[in-house]
Amino acid sequence: MDSVVTTKNIRTKSAARNELDGLRLTPTQVRQRATRLRLILTDSDGVLTDTGVYYSEYGEILKRFSIRDGMGVELLRACGIETAIITGETSPSVQKRAEKLGMPHVYLGVHDKRGHLEKILSENNLTMDQLGYIGDDVNDLSIIESIGKEGVTAAPADAMPVVATAVHYLCKRNGGHGAFRDFADWIIGLRK
């Protein structure tokens, strides 16, 4: 059964910082990790979207995605890095966006993202040090902590504070407004 984020398993900002103090990296270490990346996983709501959703009596109608983030996906692909969405949502809008961007893997309805890592690694024939992740909220902390030990992690500028302090890179852009593109540009710059 998938785990659910509750107030019991949400750590305080200082607790998360203490757990991750050993994960702070030098610029050289970050560059080395960036050169190994082969797959960037991204949350959807709050990273690729601005956390807003439009509903009617028929349910979800619209989500806003940034075209610049889409270009980030293309630029990463040109560097040999694939991208995939992993989200707790089962939104048809997310599926359509992934199809438009040519993402071969989309993981919808995944509430235990860290628990899903083995499947992702196996499907893509990868190791943990070849992964990157960008997320914005407390349900992303466990996967951020797992990937952060060997890979590279990021959060949008408007991420929840506990997440913003748990990543290697805090984007200059908000979710849905170019945060993913900012992360992509940062990674590409590190690989030069």
C-alpha atoms as a PDB file:
ATOM      1  CA  MET A   1       0.000   0.000   0.000  1.00  0.00           C
ATOM      2  CA  ASP A   2       1.288   3.477  -0.845  1.00  0.00           C
ATOM      3  CA  SER A   3       2.324   5.672   2.071  1.00  0.00           C
ATOM      4  CA  VAL A   4       0.482   8.894   2.726  1.00  0.00           C
ATOM      5  CA  VAL A   5       2.094  12.080   3.991  1.00  0.00           C
ATOM      6  CA  THR A   6       0.762  12.895   7.454  1.00  0.00           C
ATOM      7  CA  THR A   7       1.769  15.299  10.166  1.00  0.00           C
ATOM      8  CA  LYS A   8       3.483  12.350  11.895  1.00  0.00           C
ATOM      9  CA  ASN A   9       5.972  11.774   9.063  1.00  0.00           C
ATOM     10  CA  ILE A  10       6.612  15.397   8.125  1.00  0.00           C
ATOM     11  CA  ARG A  11       9.915  16.398   9.642  1.00  0.00           C
ATOM     12  CA  THR A  12      10.677  19.881  10.829  1.00  0.00           C
ATOM     13  CA  LYS A  13      12.943  22.132   8.817  1.00  0.00           C
ATOM     14  CA  SER A  14      15.774  21.752  11.327  1.00  0.00           C
ATOM     15  CA  ALA A  15      15.436  17.954  11.447  1.00  0.00           C
ATOM     16  CA  ALA A  16      15.666  17.701   7.662  1.00  0.00           C
ATOM     17  CA  ARG A  17      18.655  20.050   7.638  1.00  0.00           C
ATOM     18  CA  ASN A  18      20.443  17.945  10.275  1.00  0.00           C
ATOM     19  CA  GLU A  19      19.869  14.751   8.268  1.00  0.00           C
ATOM     20  CA  LEU A  20      21.201  16.380   5.112  1.00  0.00           C
ATOM     21  CA  ASP A  21      24.189  18.281   6.504  1.00  0.00           C
ATOM     22  CA  GLY A  22      26.426  15.418   5.384  1.00  0.00           C
ATOM     23  CA  LEU A  23      25.053  15.751   1.843  1.00  0.00           C
ATOM     24  CA  ARG A  24      26.334  19.282   1.188  1.00  0.00           C
ATOM     25  CA  LEU A  25      28.604  19.165  -1.825  1.00  0.00           C
ATOM     26  CA  THR A  26      31.582  21.124  -3.075  1.00  0.00           C
ATOM     27  CA  PRO A  27      31.344  22.673  -6.556  1.00  0.00           C
ATOM     28  CA  THR A  28      33.660  19.934  -7.854  1.00  0.00           C
ATOM     29  CA  GLN A  29      31.437  17.202  -6.412  1.00  0.00           C
ATOM     30  CA  VAL A  30      28.333  18.782  -7.946  1.00  0.00           C
ATOM     31  CA  ARG A  31      30.021  18.944 -11.365  1.00  0.00           C
ATOM     32  CA  GLN A  32      31.065  15.296 -11.102  1.00  0.00           C
ATOM     33  CA  ARG A  33      27.531  14.266 -10.242  1.00  0.00           C
ATOM     34  CA  ALA A  34      26.058  16.353 -13.066  1.00  0.00           C
ATOM     35  CA  THR A  35      28.269  14.603 -15.623  1.00  0.00           C
ATOM     36  CA  ARG A  36      26.846  11.197 -14.587  1.00  0.00           C
ATOM     37  CA  LEU A  37      23.168  12.167 -14.916  1.00  0.00           C
ATOM     38  CA  ARG A  38      21.075  10.192 -17.390  1.00  0.00           C
ATOM     39  CA  LEU A  39      17.541  10.750 -16.072  1.00  0.00           C
ATOM     40  CA  ILE A  40      15.903  13.717 -14.363  1.00  0.00           C
ATOM     41  CA  LEU A  41      12.698  12.931 -12.504  1.00  0.00           C
ATOM     42  CA  THR A  42      10.289  15.766 -11.825  1.00  0.00           C
ATOM     43  CA  ASP A  43       7.209  16.201  -9.731  1.00  0.00           C
ATOM     44  CA  SER A  44       4.340  17.798 -11.633  1.00  0.00           C
ATOM     45  CA  ASP A  45       2.201  20.020  -9.402  1.00  0.00           C
ATOM     46  CA  GLY A  46       4.348  22.787  -7.985  1.00  0.00           C
ATOM     47  CA  VAL A  47       7.258  22.159 -10.353  1.00  0.00           C
ATOM     48  CA  LEU A  48       5.862  21.883 -13.871  1.00  0.00           C
ATOM     49  CA  THR A  49       2.700  23.730 -12.787  1.00  0.00           C
ATOM     50  CA  ASP A  50       2.148  26.741 -10.568  1.00  0.00           C
ATOM     51  CA  THR A  51       0.140  24.605  -8.077  1.00  0.00           C
ATOM     52  CA  GLY A  52      -3.113  25.966  -9.482  1.00  0.00           C
ATOM     53  CA  VAL A  53      -5.774  23.819 -11.098  1.00  0.00           C
ATOM     54  CA  TYR A  54      -9.094  24.799 -12.636  1.00  0.00           C
ATOM     55  CA  TYR A  55     -12.147  22.726 -11.730  1.00  0.00           C
ATOM     56  CA  SER A  56     -15.720  22.693 -12.933  1.00  0.00           C
ATOM     57  CA  GLU A  57     -18.644  20.461 -12.059  1.00  0.00           C
ATOM     58  CA  TYR A  58     -16.960  17.899 -14.354  1.00  0.00           C
ATOM     59  CA  GLY A  59     -13.723  17.862 -12.381  1.00  0.00           C
ATOM     60  CA  GLU A  60     -10.259  19.037 -13.378  1.00  0.00           C
ATOM     61  CA  ILE A  61     -10.365  21.192 -16.481  1.00  0.00           C
ATOM     62  CA  LEU A  62      -6.971  22.873 -16.851  1.00  0.00           C
ATOM     63  CA  LYS A  63      -3.422  22.967 -15.505  1.00  0.00           C
ATOM     64  CA  ARG A  64      -0.908  25.587 -16.596  1.00  0.00           C
ATOM     65  CA  PHE A  65       2.476  24.368 -17.883  1.00  0.00           C
ATOM     66  CA  SER A  66       5.449  26.516 -18.902  1.00  0.00           C
ATOM     67  CA  ILE A  67       6.686  26.315 -22.488  1.00  0.00           C
ATOM     68  CA  ARG A  68      10.157  27.186 -21.174  1.00  0.00           C
ATOM     69  CA  ASP A  69      10.128  24.073 -19.011  1.00  0.00           C
ATOM     70  CA  GLY A  70       9.333  22.099 -22.167  1.00  0.00           C
ATOM     71  CA  MET A  71      12.422  23.563 -23.815  1.00  0.00           C
ATOM     72  CA  GLY A  72      14.386  22.465 -20.729  1.00  0.00           C
ATOM     73  CA  VAL A  73      13.284  18.890 -21.445  1.00  0.00           C
ATOM     74  CA  GLU A  74      14.492  19.215 -25.047  1.00  0.00           C
ATOM     75  CA  LEU A  75      17.821  20.759 -24.038  1.00  0.00           C
ATOM     76  CA  LEU A  76      18.484  17.981 -21.537  1.00  0.00           C
ATOM     77  CA  ARG A  77      17.618  15.357 -24.156  1.00  0.00           C
ATOM     78  CA  ALA A  78      20.140  16.971 -26.523  1.00  0.00           C
ATOM     79  CA  CYS A  79      22.772  16.441 -23.803  1.00  0.00           C
ATOM     80  CA  GLY A  80      21.862  12.776 -23.397  1.00  0.00           C
ATOM     81  CA  ILE A  81      19.667  13.212 -20.311  1.00  0.00           C
ATOM     82  CA  GLU A  82      16.108  11.869 -20.399  1.00  0.00           C
ATOM     83  CA  THR A  83      13.285  13.196 -18.243  1.00  0.00           C
ATOM     84  CA  ALA A  84      10.283  11.600 -16.554  1.00  0.00           C
ATOM     85  CA  ILE A  85       7.374  12.823 -14.457  1.00  0.00           C
ATOM     86  CA  ILE A  86       6.588  11.117 -11.149  1.00  0.00           C
ATOM     87  CA  THR A  87       3.508  12.353  -9.336  1.00  0.00           C
ATOM     88  CA  GLY A  88       0.837  11.255  -6.910  1.00  0.00           C
ATOM     89  CA  GLU A  89      -1.760  12.653  -9.293  1.00  0.00           C
ATOM     90  CA  THR A  90      -3.503  10.641 -11.990  1.00  0.00           C
ATOM     91  CA  SER A  91      -4.266  13.715 -14.074  1.00  0.00           C
ATOM     92  CA  PRO A  92      -4.909  13.260 -17.809  1.00  0.00           C
ATOM     93  CA  SER A  93      -3.385  16.739 -18.268  1.00  0.00           C
ATOM     94  CA  VAL A  94      -0.046  15.506 -16.933  1.00  0.00           C
ATOM     95  CA  GLN A  95      -0.158  12.465 -19.229  1.00  0.00           C
ATOM     96  CA  LYS A  96      -0.873  14.695 -22.248  1.00  0.00           C
ATOM     97  CA  ARG A  97       1.958  17.086 -21.329  1.00  0.00           C
ATOM     98  CA  ALA A  98       4.397  14.183 -21.013  1.00  0.00           C
ATOM     99  CA  GLU A  99       3.310  12.860 -24.413  1.00  0.00           C
ATOM    100  CA  LYS A 100       3.773  16.305 -25.969  1.00  0.00           C
ATOM    101  CA  LEU A 101       7.303  16.469 -24.527  1.00  0.00           C
ATOM    102  CA  GLY A 102       8.159  12.964 -25.764  1.00  0.00           C
ATOM    103  CA  MET A 103       8.765  11.523 -22.301  1.00  0.00           C
ATOM    104  CA  PRO A 104       8.839   7.723 -22.606  1.00  0.00           C
ATOM    105  CA  HIS A 105       8.208   7.216 -18.871  1.00  0.00           C
ATOM    106  CA  VAL A 106       5.452   8.841 -16.823  1.00  0.00           C
ATOM    107  CA  TYR A 107       4.708   7.599 -13.329  1.00  0.00           C
ATOM    108  CA  LEU A 108       1.187   8.687 -12.314  1.00  0.00           C
ATOM    109  CA  GLY A 109      -0.555   7.918  -9.036  1.00  0.00           C
ATOM    110  CA  VAL A 110       2.723   7.236  -7.204  1.00  0.00           C
ATOM    111  CA  HIS A 111       2.329   8.258  -3.567  1.00  0.00           C
ATOM    112  CA  ASP A 112       5.504   6.534  -2.340  1.00  0.00           C
ATOM    113  CA  LYS A 113       8.051   8.046  -4.721  1.00  0.00           C
ATOM    114  CA  ARG A 114      11.081   6.672  -2.910  1.00  0.00           C
ATOM    115  CA  GLY A 115       9.502   3.213  -2.920  1.00  0.00           C
ATOM    116  CA  HIS A 116       9.083   3.480  -6.702  1.00  0.00           C
ATOM    117  CA  LEU A 117      12.790   4.169  -7.332  1.00  0.00           C
ATOM    118  CA  GLU A 118      13.770   0.503  -7.789  1.00  0.00           C
ATOM    119  CA  LYS A 119      11.231   0.139 -10.594  1.00  0.00           C
ATOM    120  CA  ILE A 120      12.491   3.324 -12.260  1.00  0.00           C
ATOM    121  CA  LEU A 121      16.128   2.236 -11.983  1.00  0.00           C
ATOM    122  CA  SER A 122      15.316  -1.221 -13.348  1.00  0.00           C
ATOM    123  CA  GLU A 123      13.150   0.017 -16.246  1.00  0.00           C
ATOM    124  CA  ASN A 124      15.818   2.470 -17.338  1.00  0.00           C
ATOM    125  CA  ASN A 125      18.882   0.312 -16.548  1.00  0.00           C
ATOM    126  CA  LEU A 126      20.308   3.028 -14.296  1.00  0.00           C
ATOM    127  CA  THR A 127      22.026   3.417 -10.949  1.00  0.00           C
ATOM    128  CA  MET A 128      21.101   5.964  -8.273  1.00  0.00           C
ATOM    129  CA  ASP A 129      24.045   8.227  -9.130  1.00  0.00           C
ATOM    130  CA  GLN A 130      22.588   8.723 -12.617  1.00  0.00           C
ATOM    131  CA  LEU A 131      19.370  10.297 -11.297  1.00  0.00           C
ATOM    132  CA  GLY A 132      18.331  13.856 -10.615  1.00  0.00           C
ATOM    133  CA  TYR A 133      15.107  15.045  -9.025  1.00  0.00           C
ATOM    134  CA  ILE A 134      13.173  18.277  -8.621  1.00  0.00           C
ATOM    135  CA  GLY A 135      10.264  18.584  -6.199  1.00  0.00           C
ATOM    136  CA  ASP A 136       8.542  21.218  -4.123  1.00  0.00           C
ATOM    137  CA  ASP A 137       6.616  19.792  -1.174  1.00  0.00           C
ATOM    138  CA  VAL A 138       6.886  17.461   1.824  1.00  0.00           C
ATOM    139  CA  ASN A 139       5.784  14.416  -0.176  1.00  0.00           C
ATOM    140  CA  ASP A 140       9.012  14.850  -2.193  1.00  0.00           C
ATOM    141  CA  LEU A 141      11.370  14.739   0.797  1.00  0.00           C
ATOM    142  CA  SER A 142      11.963  10.998   0.898  1.00  0.00           C
ATOM    143  CA  ILE A 143      12.906  10.767  -2.785  1.00  0.00           C
ATOM    144  CA  ILE A 144      15.011  13.938  -2.494  1.00  0.00           C
ATOM    145  CA  GLU A 145      16.908  12.399   0.424  1.00  0.00           C
ATOM    146  CA  SER A 146      17.449   9.097  -1.420  1.00  0.00           C
ATOM    147  CA  ILE A 147      18.574  10.590  -4.717  1.00  0.00           C
ATOM    148  CA  GLY A 148      20.526  13.350  -2.966  1.00  0.00           C
ATOM    149  CA  LYS A 149      22.987  10.836  -1.509  1.00  0.00           C
ATOM    150  CA  GLU A 150      24.421  10.062  -4.972  1.00  0.00           C
ATOM    151  CA  GLY A 151      22.558  12.152  -7.555  1.00  0.00           C
ATOM    152  CA  VAL A 152      21.506  15.803  -7.829  1.00  0.00           C
ATOM    153  CA  THR A 153      18.364  17.427  -6.403  1.00  0.00           C
ATOM    154  CA  ALA A 154      16.584  20.749  -6.790  1.00  0.00           C
ATOM    155  CA  ALA A 155      13.475  22.673  -5.785  1.00  0.00           C
ATOM    156  CA  PRO A 156      11.606  25.646  -7.283  1.00  0.00           C
ATOM    157  CA  ALA A 157      12.149  29.048  -5.661  1.00  0.00           C
ATOM    158  CA  ASP A 158       8.691  28.852  -4.066  1.00  0.00           C
ATOM    159  CA  ALA A 159       9.118  25.318  -2.674  1.00  0.00           C
ATOM    160  CA  MET A 160       8.087  24.639   0.883  1.00  0.00           C
ATOM    161  CA  PRO A 161      10.926  25.777   3.192  1.00  0.00           C
ATOM    162  CA  VAL A 162      11.719  22.261   4.439  1.00  0.00           C
ATOM    163  CA  VAL A 163      12.227  21.145   0.827  1.00  0.00           C
ATOM    164  CA  ALA A 164      14.186  24.256  -0.173  1.00  0.00           C
ATOM    165  CA  THR A 165      16.768  23.470   2.515  1.00  0.00           C
ATOM    166  CA  ALA A 166      17.009  19.784   1.580  1.00  0.00           C
ATOM    167  CA  VAL A 167      18.209  20.109  -2.032  1.00  0.00           C
ATOM    168  CA  HIS A 168      21.503  20.769  -3.780  1.00  0.00           C
ATOM    169  CA  TYR A 169      20.075  23.570  -5.943  1.00  0.00           C
ATOM    170  CA  LEU A 170      17.306  26.072  -5.206  1.00  0.00           C
ATOM    171  CA  CYS A 171      15.996  27.424  -8.501  1.00  0.00           C
ATOM    172  CA  LYS A 172      15.597  31.122  -9.126  1.00  0.00           C
ATOM    173  CA  ARG A 173      12.199  30.558 -10.770  1.00  0.00           C
ATOM    174  CA  ASN A 174       8.907  29.442  -9.250  1.00  0.00           C
ATOM    175  CA  GLY A 175       7.085  26.243 -10.097  1.00  0.00           C
ATOM    176  CA  GLY A 176       5.207  26.482 -13.381  1.00  0.00           C
ATOM    177  CA  HIS A 177       7.198  29.588 -14.279  1.00  0.00           C
ATOM    178  CA  GLY A 178      10.467  28.122 -15.501  1.00  0.00           C
ATOM    179  CA  ALA A 179      11.809  26.277 -12.424  1.00  0.00           C
ATOM    180  CA  PHE A 180      12.413  23.086 -14.399  1.00  0.00           C
ATOM    181  CA  ARG A 181      14.157  25.065 -17.153  1.00  0.00           C
ATOM    182  CA  ASP A 182      16.331  26.769 -14.526  1.00  0.00           C
ATOM    183  CA  PHE A 183      17.337  23.351 -13.143  1.00  0.00           C
ATOM    184  CA  ALA A 184      18.010  22.058 -16.670  1.00  0.00           C
ATOM    185  CA  ASP A 185      20.185  25.089 -17.536  1.00  0.00           C
ATOM    186  CA  TRP A 186      22.096  24.683 -14.259  1.00  0.00           C
ATOM    187  CA  ILE A 187      22.818  21.006 -14.972  1.00  0.00           C
ATOM    188  CA  ILE A 188      23.840  21.708 -18.565  1.00  0.00           C
ATOM    189  CA  GLY A 189      26.151  24.486 -17.373  1.00  0.00           C
ATOM    190  CA  LEU A 190      27.802  22.127 -14.892  1.00  0.00           C
ATOM    191  CA  ARG A 191      28.491  19.592 -17.647  1.00  0.00           C
ATOM    192  CA  LYS A 192      30.473  22.035 -19.806  1.00  0.00           C
END
